[in-house]
């Protein structure tokens, strides 16, 4: 239905919706195709019957234009090129690549990885301290996200990152005696290209870090995958700024989903 057709028939559409309601999924599931839902008599005596289709396709007349008039936000030629390159590059960037493919393609990475667990909202997280932290850093409660297990490639790579190793070294005594702060700020730096952790996370929170009596370092890395526009401040930052601003544009066009990522870490120190 075109915009003009909708405006012409808006009152009738509103009236019909108010009288008919919306069919339940169970109603649609029981039919091979068309489901008769309801009928009513209009004020002028006209009898109206409403049918809902449980299967797409083979729609004719004005209704056939409903889907055709939906336009997905368009990518520029440059954005399309970056999208293709980013998809290829994801194979070589386990952290940044997984985050991008999950956000860009409805958990395209996590769905095929046994060590990545999809959460459809924060309500599935029962750890109060973790939820409080996510509130403080502004992660929406209706966000979807991924929890990476201790055996995931991502968690192991992040544990071995110099930023995490430096944190452990500087706070070793507190971690052993359980006197450390329950959260810590971690910033992954731009090291040598392709700088996976920087592209995939950069700023994040380390939650409940501690060293157990049997020598395991336990913690969670918590991050919200979103983008803010930037300007390059050096020649070296031109590439990463370009990628960041591409992500921001895709996010604003609804072509990239903001998701949270939680990386569980449990590694033996001695």
C-alpha atoms as a PDB file:
ATOM      1  CA  UNK A   1       0.000   0.000   0.000  1.00  0.00           C
ATOM      2  CA  UNK A   2       1.403   3.359  -0.983  1.00  0.00           C
ATOM      3  CA  UNK A   3       1.569   6.358   1.357  1.00  0.00           C
ATOM      4  CA  UNK A   4      -1.256   8.081  -0.551  1.00  0.00           C
ATOM      5  CA  UNK A   5      -3.479   4.992  -0.321  1.00  0.00           C
ATOM      6  CA  UNK A   6      -2.803   4.735   3.397  1.00  0.00           C
ATOM      7  CA  UNK A   7      -3.719   8.376   4.024  1.00  0.00           C
ATOM      8  CA  UNK A   8      -6.927   8.002   2.005  1.00  0.00           C
ATOM      9  CA  UNK A   9      -7.990   4.912   3.968  1.00  0.00           C
ATOM     10  CA  UNK A  10      -6.473   5.738   7.337  1.00  0.00           C
ATOM     11  CA  UNK A  11      -9.792   6.144   9.194  1.00  0.00           C
ATOM     12  CA  UNK A  12     -11.103   2.855   7.857  1.00  0.00           C
ATOM     13  CA  UNK A  13      -7.853   1.109   8.739  1.00  0.00           C
ATOM     14  CA  UNK A  14      -7.928   2.474  12.283  1.00  0.00           C
ATOM     15  CA  UNK A  15     -11.560   1.394  12.663  1.00  0.00           C
ATOM     16  CA  UNK A  16     -10.811  -2.084  11.419  1.00  0.00           C
ATOM     17  CA  UNK A  17      -7.809  -2.535  13.699  1.00  0.00           C
ATOM     18  CA  UNK A  18      -9.810  -1.353  16.701  1.00  0.00           C
ATOM     19  CA  UNK A  19     -12.557  -3.887  16.023  1.00  0.00           C
ATOM     20  CA  UNK A  20     -10.459  -6.841  14.915  1.00  0.00           C
ATOM     21  CA  UNK A  21      -7.375  -6.897  17.046  1.00  0.00           C
ATOM     22  CA  UNK A  22      -4.364  -8.972  16.044  1.00  0.00           C
ATOM     23  CA  UNK A  23      -4.383 -12.770  15.674  1.00  0.00           C
ATOM     24  CA  UNK A  24      -2.301 -14.885  18.014  1.00  0.00           C
ATOM     25  CA  UNK A  25       0.677 -16.792  16.665  1.00  0.00           C
ATOM     26  CA  UNK A  26      -1.128 -20.021  17.549  1.00  0.00           C
ATOM     27  CA  UNK A  27      -3.995 -19.027  15.259  1.00  0.00           C
ATOM     28  CA  UNK A  28      -1.648 -18.587  12.357  1.00  0.00           C
ATOM     29  CA  UNK A  29       0.372 -21.706  13.104  1.00  0.00           C
ATOM     30  CA  UNK A  30      -2.648 -23.985  12.723  1.00  0.00           C
ATOM     31  CA  UNK A  31      -3.329 -22.949   9.148  1.00  0.00           C
ATOM     32  CA  UNK A  32      -1.613 -23.927   5.941  1.00  0.00           C
ATOM     33  CA  UNK A  33      -2.371 -20.529   4.535  1.00  0.00           C
ATOM     34  CA  UNK A  34      -5.311 -18.218   5.237  1.00  0.00           C
ATOM     35  CA  UNK A  35      -6.795 -17.825   8.704  1.00  0.00           C
ATOM     36  CA  UNK A  36     -10.270 -16.357   9.164  1.00  0.00           C
ATOM     37  CA  UNK A  37     -10.008 -14.265  12.307  1.00  0.00           C
ATOM     38  CA  UNK A  38     -13.044 -12.079  12.909  1.00  0.00           C
ATOM     39  CA  UNK A  39     -16.021 -10.290  11.441  1.00  0.00           C
ATOM     40  CA  UNK A  40     -18.049  -7.282  12.449  1.00  0.00           C
ATOM     41  CA  UNK A  41     -20.811  -5.020  11.158  1.00  0.00           C
ATOM     42  CA  UNK A  42     -19.877  -1.412  10.514  1.00  0.00           C
ATOM     43  CA  UNK A  43     -22.127   1.461  11.574  1.00  0.00           C
ATOM     44  CA  UNK A  44     -23.472   1.730   8.040  1.00  0.00           C
ATOM     45  CA  UNK A  45     -24.557  -1.933   8.076  1.00  0.00           C
ATOM     46  CA  UNK A  46     -21.678  -3.255   5.975  1.00  0.00           C
ATOM     47  CA  UNK A  47     -20.479  -6.699   7.063  1.00  0.00           C
ATOM     48  CA  UNK A  48     -16.688  -6.953   7.138  1.00  0.00           C
ATOM     49  CA  UNK A  49     -14.663 -10.145   7.303  1.00  0.00           C
ATOM     50  CA  UNK A  50     -10.939 -10.067   8.033  1.00  0.00           C
ATOM     51  CA  UNK A  51      -8.506 -12.741   6.931  1.00  0.00           C
ATOM     52  CA  UNK A  52      -4.880 -13.037   7.953  1.00  0.00           C
ATOM     53  CA  UNK A  53      -2.324 -14.956   5.983  1.00  0.00           C
ATOM     54  CA  UNK A  54       0.025 -17.300   7.795  1.00  0.00           C
ATOM     55  CA  UNK A  55       2.340 -17.653   4.812  1.00  0.00           C
ATOM     56  CA  UNK A  56       4.006 -15.003   2.738  1.00  0.00           C
ATOM     57  CA  UNK A  57       3.981 -14.800  -1.035  1.00  0.00           C
ATOM     58  CA  UNK A  58       1.356 -14.828  -3.802  1.00  0.00           C
ATOM     59  CA  UNK A  59      -0.218 -11.600  -2.541  1.00  0.00           C
ATOM     60  CA  UNK A  60      -1.993  -9.573  -5.197  1.00  0.00           C
ATOM     61  CA  UNK A  61      -3.667  -6.201  -5.482  1.00  0.00           C
ATOM     62  CA  UNK A  62      -2.857  -3.217  -3.292  1.00  0.00           C
ATOM     63  CA  UNK A  63      -1.585  -5.471  -0.508  1.00  0.00           C
ATOM     64  CA  UNK A  64       1.217  -6.699  -2.735  1.00  0.00           C
ATOM     65  CA  UNK A  65       2.868  -3.306  -2.422  1.00  0.00           C
ATOM     66  CA  UNK A  66       3.203  -3.392   1.346  1.00  0.00           C
ATOM     67  CA  UNK A  67       6.560  -5.146   1.390  1.00  0.00           C
ATOM     68  CA  UNK A  68       7.708  -3.487  -1.816  1.00  0.00           C
ATOM     69  CA  UNK A  69       7.356  -0.032  -0.286  1.00  0.00           C
ATOM     70  CA  UNK A  70       9.638  -0.882   2.636  1.00  0.00           C
ATOM     71  CA  UNK A  71      13.093   0.402   1.842  1.00  0.00           C
ATOM     72  CA  UNK A  72      16.111  -0.720   3.807  1.00  0.00           C
ATOM     73  CA  UNK A  73      18.446   2.190   4.547  1.00  0.00           C
ATOM     74  CA  UNK A  74      20.943   2.371   1.744  1.00  0.00           C
ATOM     75  CA  UNK A  75      24.688   2.033   2.096  1.00  0.00           C
ATOM     76  CA  UNK A  76      26.953   4.278   0.111  1.00  0.00           C
ATOM     77  CA  UNK A  77      29.387   2.708  -2.332  1.00  0.00           C
ATOM     78  CA  UNK A  78      32.189   3.253   0.174  1.00  0.00           C
ATOM     79  CA  UNK A  79      30.163   1.667   2.973  1.00  0.00           C
ATOM     80  CA  UNK A  80      29.447  -1.362   0.813  1.00  0.00           C
ATOM     81  CA  UNK A  81      33.152  -1.742   0.055  1.00  0.00           C
ATOM     82  CA  UNK A  82      34.073  -1.525   3.733  1.00  0.00           C
ATOM     83  CA  UNK A  83      31.314  -4.005   4.579  1.00  0.00           C
ATOM     84  CA  UNK A  84      32.766  -6.555   2.165  1.00  0.00           C
ATOM     85  CA  UNK A  85      36.325  -5.999   3.379  1.00  0.00           C
ATOM     86  CA  UNK A  86      35.230  -6.196   7.016  1.00  0.00           C
ATOM     87  CA  UNK A  87      33.496  -9.494   6.399  1.00  0.00           C
ATOM     88  CA  UNK A  88      36.660 -10.943   4.866  1.00  0.00           C
ATOM     89  CA  UNK A  89      38.842  -9.447   7.588  1.00  0.00           C
ATOM     90  CA  UNK A  90      36.640 -10.979  10.274  1.00  0.00           C
ATOM     91  CA  UNK A  91      38.239 -14.354   9.579  1.00  0.00           C
ATOM     92  CA  UNK A  92      41.564 -12.975  10.837  1.00  0.00           C
ATOM     93  CA  UNK A  93      40.268 -10.919  13.769  1.00  0.00           C
ATOM     94  CA  UNK A  94      38.633 -13.244  16.321  1.00  0.00           C
ATOM     95  CA  UNK A  95      37.479 -10.496  18.689  1.00  0.00           C
ATOM     96  CA  UNK A  96      36.583  -7.645  16.334  1.00  0.00           C
ATOM     97  CA  UNK A  97      35.376 -10.033  13.638  1.00  0.00           C
ATOM     98  CA  UNK A  98      33.016 -11.921  15.944  1.00  0.00           C
ATOM     99  CA  UNK A  99      31.567  -8.705  17.351  1.00  0.00           C
ATOM    100  CA  UNK A 100      30.998  -7.259  13.906  1.00  0.00           C
ATOM    101  CA  UNK A 101      29.374 -10.345  12.399  1.00  0.00           C
ATOM    102  CA  UNK A 102      27.106 -10.754  15.413  1.00  0.00           C
ATOM    103  CA  UNK A 103      26.001  -7.114  15.293  1.00  0.00           C
ATOM    104  CA  UNK A 104      25.807  -6.878  11.517  1.00  0.00           C
ATOM    105  CA  UNK A 105      24.258 -10.261  10.727  1.00  0.00           C
ATOM    106  CA  UNK A 106      22.045 -11.307  13.640  1.00  0.00           C
ATOM    107  CA  UNK A 107      24.647 -13.259  15.623  1.00  0.00           C
ATOM    108  CA  UNK A 108      26.183 -14.728  12.497  1.00  0.00           C
ATOM    109  CA  UNK A 109      29.279 -15.792  14.431  1.00  0.00           C
ATOM    110  CA  UNK A 110      27.760 -16.842  17.757  1.00  0.00           C
ATOM    111  CA  UNK A 111      25.156 -19.120  16.204  1.00  0.00           C
ATOM    112  CA  UNK A 112      27.920 -21.366  14.858  1.00  0.00           C
ATOM    113  CA  UNK A 113      30.192 -21.320  17.909  1.00  0.00           C
ATOM    114  CA  UNK A 114      29.716 -23.655  20.869  1.00  0.00           C
ATOM    115  CA  UNK A 115      31.668 -21.314  23.154  1.00  0.00           C
ATOM    116  CA  UNK A 116      29.493 -18.280  22.384  1.00  0.00           C
ATOM    117  CA  UNK A 117      26.101 -18.137  24.088  1.00  0.00           C
ATOM    118  CA  UNK A 118      23.418 -15.743  22.829  1.00  0.00           C
ATOM    119  CA  UNK A 119      21.280 -13.849  25.347  1.00  0.00           C
ATOM    120  CA  UNK A 120      18.112 -12.261  24.007  1.00  0.00           C
ATOM    121  CA  UNK A 121      17.965  -9.669  26.774  1.00  0.00           C
ATOM    122  CA  UNK A 122      19.700  -8.716  29.991  1.00  0.00           C
ATOM    123  CA  UNK A 123      16.843 -10.311  31.927  1.00  0.00           C
ATOM    124  CA  UNK A 124      18.610 -13.633  31.362  1.00  0.00           C
ATOM    125  CA  UNK A 125      21.538 -12.434  33.494  1.00  0.00           C
ATOM    126  CA  UNK A 126      20.880 -13.344  37.138  1.00  0.00           C
ATOM    127  CA  UNK A 127      24.116 -11.941  38.607  1.00  0.00           C
ATOM    128  CA  UNK A 128      23.004  -8.787  40.451  1.00  0.00           C
ATOM    129  CA  UNK A 129      26.488  -7.294  40.625  1.00  0.00           C
ATOM    130  CA  UNK A 130      26.968  -7.784  36.899  1.00  0.00           C
ATOM    131  CA  UNK A 131      23.577  -6.248  36.146  1.00  0.00           C
ATOM    132  CA  UNK A 132      24.381  -3.270  38.368  1.00  0.00           C
ATOM    133  CA  UNK A 133      27.623  -2.725  36.461  1.00  0.00           C
ATOM    134  CA  UNK A 134      25.799  -2.891  33.135  1.00  0.00           C
ATOM    135  CA  UNK A 135      23.342  -0.292  34.428  1.00  0.00           C
ATOM    136  CA  UNK A 136      26.171   2.021  35.422  1.00  0.00           C
ATOM    137  CA  UNK A 137      27.839   1.871  32.025  1.00  0.00           C
ATOM    138  CA  UNK A 138      24.537   2.477  30.248  1.00  0.00           C
ATOM    139  CA  UNK A 139      23.812  -0.862  28.609  1.00  0.00           C
ATOM    140  CA  UNK A 140      20.044  -0.902  27.859  1.00  0.00           C
ATOM    141  CA  UNK A 141      18.086  -3.620  29.640  1.00  0.00           C
ATOM    142  CA  UNK A 142      16.510  -4.805  26.394  1.00  0.00           C
ATOM    143  CA  UNK A 143      19.885  -5.273  24.711  1.00  0.00           C
ATOM    144  CA  UNK A 144      20.831  -8.597  23.235  1.00  0.00           C
ATOM    145  CA  UNK A 145      24.325  -9.947  23.599  1.00  0.00           C
ATOM    146  CA  UNK A 146      26.815 -12.787  23.728  1.00  0.00           C
ATOM    147  CA  UNK A 147      28.597 -14.516  26.597  1.00  0.00           C
ATOM    148  CA  UNK A 148      31.903 -16.084  25.575  1.00  0.00           C
ATOM    149  CA  UNK A 149      32.888 -19.083  27.687  1.00  0.00           C
ATOM    150  CA  UNK A 150      36.279 -19.650  29.288  1.00  0.00           C
ATOM    151  CA  UNK A 151      37.343 -21.922  26.425  1.00  0.00           C
ATOM    152  CA  UNK A 152      36.470 -19.454  23.685  1.00  0.00           C
ATOM    153  CA  UNK A 153      39.206 -18.145  21.435  1.00  0.00           C
ATOM    154  CA  UNK A 154      38.169 -14.611  22.340  1.00  0.00           C
ATOM    155  CA  UNK A 155      38.460 -15.046  26.127  1.00  0.00           C
ATOM    156  CA  UNK A 156      41.857 -16.696  25.863  1.00  0.00           C
ATOM    157  CA  UNK A 157      43.167 -14.030  23.526  1.00  0.00           C
ATOM    158  CA  UNK A 158      41.988 -11.232  25.794  1.00  0.00           C
ATOM    159  CA  UNK A 159      43.560 -12.876  28.852  1.00  0.00           C
ATOM    160  CA  UNK A 160      46.917 -12.894  27.080  1.00  0.00           C
ATOM    161  CA  UNK A 161      46.618  -9.259  26.010  1.00  0.00           C
ATOM    162  CA  UNK A 162      49.327  -7.020  27.528  1.00  0.00           C
ATOM    163  CA  UNK A 163      46.667  -4.796  29.106  1.00  0.00           C
ATOM    164  CA  UNK A 164      45.227  -7.710  31.124  1.00  0.00           C
ATOM    165  CA  UNK A 165      48.650  -9.124  31.966  1.00  0.00           C
ATOM    166  CA  UNK A 166      49.794  -5.712  33.180  1.00  0.00           C
ATOM    167  CA  UNK A 167      46.689  -5.397  35.319  1.00  0.00           C
ATOM    168  CA  UNK A 168      47.366  -8.774  36.944  1.00  0.00           C
ATOM    169  CA  UNK A 169      51.009  -7.917  37.546  1.00  0.00           C
ATOM    170  CA  UNK A 170      50.276  -4.533  39.120  1.00  0.00           C
ATOM    171  CA  UNK A 171      47.437  -5.834  41.314  1.00  0.00           C
ATOM    172  CA  UNK A 172      48.741  -9.312  42.078  1.00  0.00           C
ATOM    173  CA  UNK A 173      48.793  -9.022  45.873  1.00  0.00           C
ATOM    174  CA  UNK A 174      45.300  -7.543  46.039  1.00  0.00           C
ATOM    175  CA  UNK A 175      43.950 -10.168  43.645  1.00  0.00           C
ATOM    176  CA  UNK A 176      45.384 -13.018  45.735  1.00  0.00           C
ATOM    177  CA  UNK A 177      44.019 -11.567  48.988  1.00  0.00           C
ATOM    178  CA  UNK A 178      40.676 -10.597  47.435  1.00  0.00           C
ATOM    179  CA  UNK A 179      41.164  -6.925  48.288  1.00  0.00           C
ATOM    180  CA  UNK A 180      40.927  -5.530  44.768  1.00  0.00           C
ATOM    181  CA  UNK A 181      38.112  -3.320  43.522  1.00  0.00           C
ATOM    182  CA  UNK A 182      35.199  -5.333  42.090  1.00  0.00           C
ATOM    183  CA  UNK A 183      35.527  -3.504  38.771  1.00  0.00           C
ATOM    184  CA  UNK A 184      38.412  -2.039  36.820  1.00  0.00           C
ATOM    185  CA  UNK A 185      38.697   0.026  33.661  1.00  0.00           C
ATOM    186  CA  UNK A 186      40.641  -1.583  30.833  1.00  0.00           C
ATOM    187  CA  UNK A 187      41.609   0.146  27.611  1.00  0.00           C
ATOM    188  CA  UNK A 188      43.077  -1.928  24.823  1.00  0.00           C
ATOM    189  CA  UNK A 189      45.678   0.084  22.966  1.00  0.00           C
ATOM    190  CA  UNK A 190      46.407   0.456  19.304  1.00  0.00           C
ATOM    191  CA  UNK A 191      49.425  -1.793  18.951  1.00  0.00           C
ATOM    192  CA  UNK A 192      50.673  -3.249  15.711  1.00  0.00           C
ATOM    193  CA  UNK A 193      48.218  -3.658  12.837  1.00  0.00           C
ATOM    194  CA  UNK A 194      45.575  -5.124  12.719  1.00  0.00           C
ATOM    195  CA  UNK A 195      45.154  -4.477  16.482  1.00  0.00           C
ATOM    196  CA  UNK A 196      42.209  -6.826  17.002  1.00  0.00           C
ATOM    197  CA  UNK A 197      41.339  -6.006  20.626  1.00  0.00           C
ATOM    198  CA  UNK A 198      41.407  -2.266  19.935  1.00  0.00           C
ATOM    199  CA  UNK A 199      39.066  -2.568  16.956  1.00  0.00           C
ATOM    200  CA  UNK A 200      36.734  -5.004  18.696  1.00  0.00           C
ATOM    201  CA  UNK A 201      36.515  -3.523  22.188  1.00  0.00           C
ATOM    202  CA  UNK A 202      38.918  -0.698  23.118  1.00  0.00           C
ATOM    203  CA  UNK A 203      37.217   0.530  26.340  1.00  0.00           C
ATOM    204  CA  UNK A 204      35.702  -2.060  28.682  1.00  0.00           C
ATOM    205  CA  UNK A 205      35.148  -3.076  32.295  1.00  0.00           C
ATOM    206  CA  UNK A 206      36.836  -5.928  34.135  1.00  0.00           C
ATOM    207  CA  UNK A 207      34.303  -7.411  36.554  1.00  0.00           C
ATOM    208  CA  UNK A 208      35.060  -9.363  39.743  1.00  0.00           C
ATOM    209  CA  UNK A 209      38.741 -10.060  39.045  1.00  0.00           C
ATOM    210  CA  UNK A 210      40.422 -12.319  41.608  1.00  0.00           C
ATOM    211  CA  UNK A 211      42.946 -15.120  41.990  1.00  0.00           C
ATOM    212  CA  UNK A 212      41.715 -18.293  43.655  1.00  0.00           C
ATOM    213  CA  UNK A 213      43.603 -20.279  46.278  1.00  0.00           C
ATOM    214  CA  UNK A 214      44.490 -22.869  43.647  1.00  0.00           C
ATOM    215  CA  UNK A 215      46.035 -20.302  41.321  1.00  0.00           C
ATOM    216  CA  UNK A 216      43.312 -19.427  38.813  1.00  0.00           C
ATOM    217  CA  UNK A 217      42.709 -15.898  37.617  1.00  0.00           C
ATOM    218  CA  UNK A 218      38.951 -15.399  37.264  1.00  0.00           C
ATOM    219  CA  UNK A 219      37.204 -12.374  35.797  1.00  0.00           C
ATOM    220  CA  UNK A 220      34.696 -11.156  33.239  1.00  0.00           C
ATOM    221  CA  UNK A 221      35.306  -8.539  30.579  1.00  0.00           C
ATOM    222  CA  UNK A 222      32.144  -6.517  29.909  1.00  0.00           C
ATOM    223  CA  UNK A 223      31.699  -4.346  26.834  1.00  0.00           C
ATOM    224  CA  UNK A 224      28.889  -2.649  24.910  1.00  0.00           C
ATOM    225  CA  UNK A 225      29.390  -2.707  21.159  1.00  0.00           C
ATOM    226  CA  UNK A 226      28.459   0.768  19.972  1.00  0.00           C
ATOM    227  CA  UNK A 227      30.026   3.619  18.048  1.00  0.00           C
ATOM    228  CA  UNK A 228      30.385   7.381  18.390  1.00  0.00           C
ATOM    229  CA  UNK A 229      31.697   9.576  15.549  1.00  0.00           C
ATOM    230  CA  UNK A 230      35.381  10.489  15.656  1.00  0.00           C
ATOM    231  CA  UNK A 231      37.967  12.610  13.912  1.00  0.00           C
ATOM    232  CA  UNK A 232      41.408  11.262  13.145  1.00  0.00           C
ATOM    233  CA  UNK A 233      44.017  12.888  15.388  1.00  0.00           C
ATOM    234  CA  UNK A 234      47.066  11.401  13.684  1.00  0.00           C
ATOM    235  CA  UNK A 235      48.115   9.774  10.458  1.00  0.00           C
ATOM    236  CA  UNK A 236      48.113   6.377  12.169  1.00  0.00           C
ATOM    237  CA  UNK A 237      44.508   6.772  13.318  1.00  0.00           C
ATOM    238  CA  UNK A 238      43.063   7.451   9.852  1.00  0.00           C
ATOM    239  CA  UNK A 239      42.303   3.776   9.210  1.00  0.00           C
ATOM    240  CA  UNK A 240      40.733   3.005  12.597  1.00  0.00           C
ATOM    241  CA  UNK A 241      38.752   6.254  12.496  1.00  0.00           C
ATOM    242  CA  UNK A 242      37.393   5.325   9.080  1.00  0.00           C
ATOM    243  CA  UNK A 243      36.271   1.921  10.405  1.00  0.00           C
ATOM    244  CA  UNK A 244      34.767   3.486  13.523  1.00  0.00           C
ATOM    245  CA  UNK A 245      32.776   6.062  11.557  1.00  0.00           C
ATOM    246  CA  UNK A 246      31.582   3.373   9.170  1.00  0.00           C
ATOM    247  CA  UNK A 247      30.296   1.460  12.198  1.00  0.00           C
ATOM    248  CA  UNK A 248      28.591   4.602  13.480  1.00  0.00           C
ATOM    249  CA  UNK A 249      26.850   5.168  10.136  1.00  0.00           C
ATOM    250  CA  UNK A 250      25.715   1.540   9.960  1.00  0.00           C
ATOM    251  CA  UNK A 251      24.464   1.755  13.527  1.00  0.00           C
ATOM    252  CA  UNK A 252      22.484   4.922  12.828  1.00  0.00           C
ATOM    253  CA  UNK A 253      20.946   3.357   9.714  1.00  0.00           C
ATOM    254  CA  UNK A 254      19.797   0.350  11.712  1.00  0.00           C
ATOM    255  CA  UNK A 255      22.146  -1.970   9.831  1.00  0.00           C
ATOM    256  CA  UNK A 256      24.254  -2.823  12.869  1.00  0.00           C
ATOM    257  CA  UNK A 257      22.823  -3.850  16.251  1.00  0.00           C
ATOM    258  CA  UNK A 258      24.295  -2.542  19.482  1.00  0.00           C
ATOM    259  CA  UNK A 259      24.997  -5.603  21.612  1.00  0.00           C
ATOM    260  CA  UNK A 260      26.761  -6.368  24.877  1.00  0.00           C
ATOM    261  CA  UNK A 261      29.634  -8.830  25.057  1.00  0.00           C
ATOM    262  CA  UNK A 262      30.764 -10.675  28.169  1.00  0.00           C
ATOM    263  CA  UNK A 263      34.022 -12.632  28.110  1.00  0.00           C
ATOM    264  CA  UNK A 264      34.483 -15.150  30.909  1.00  0.00           C
ATOM    265  CA  UNK A 265      38.109 -15.719  31.893  1.00  0.00           C
ATOM    266  CA  UNK A 266      39.515 -18.544  33.994  1.00  0.00           C
ATOM    267  CA  UNK A 267      43.219 -19.178  33.481  1.00  0.00           C
ATOM    268  CA  UNK A 268      45.794 -21.021  35.590  1.00  0.00           C
ATOM    269  CA  UNK A 269      48.617 -18.808  36.864  1.00  0.00           C
ATOM    270  CA  UNK A 270      50.529 -21.381  38.893  1.00  0.00           C
END
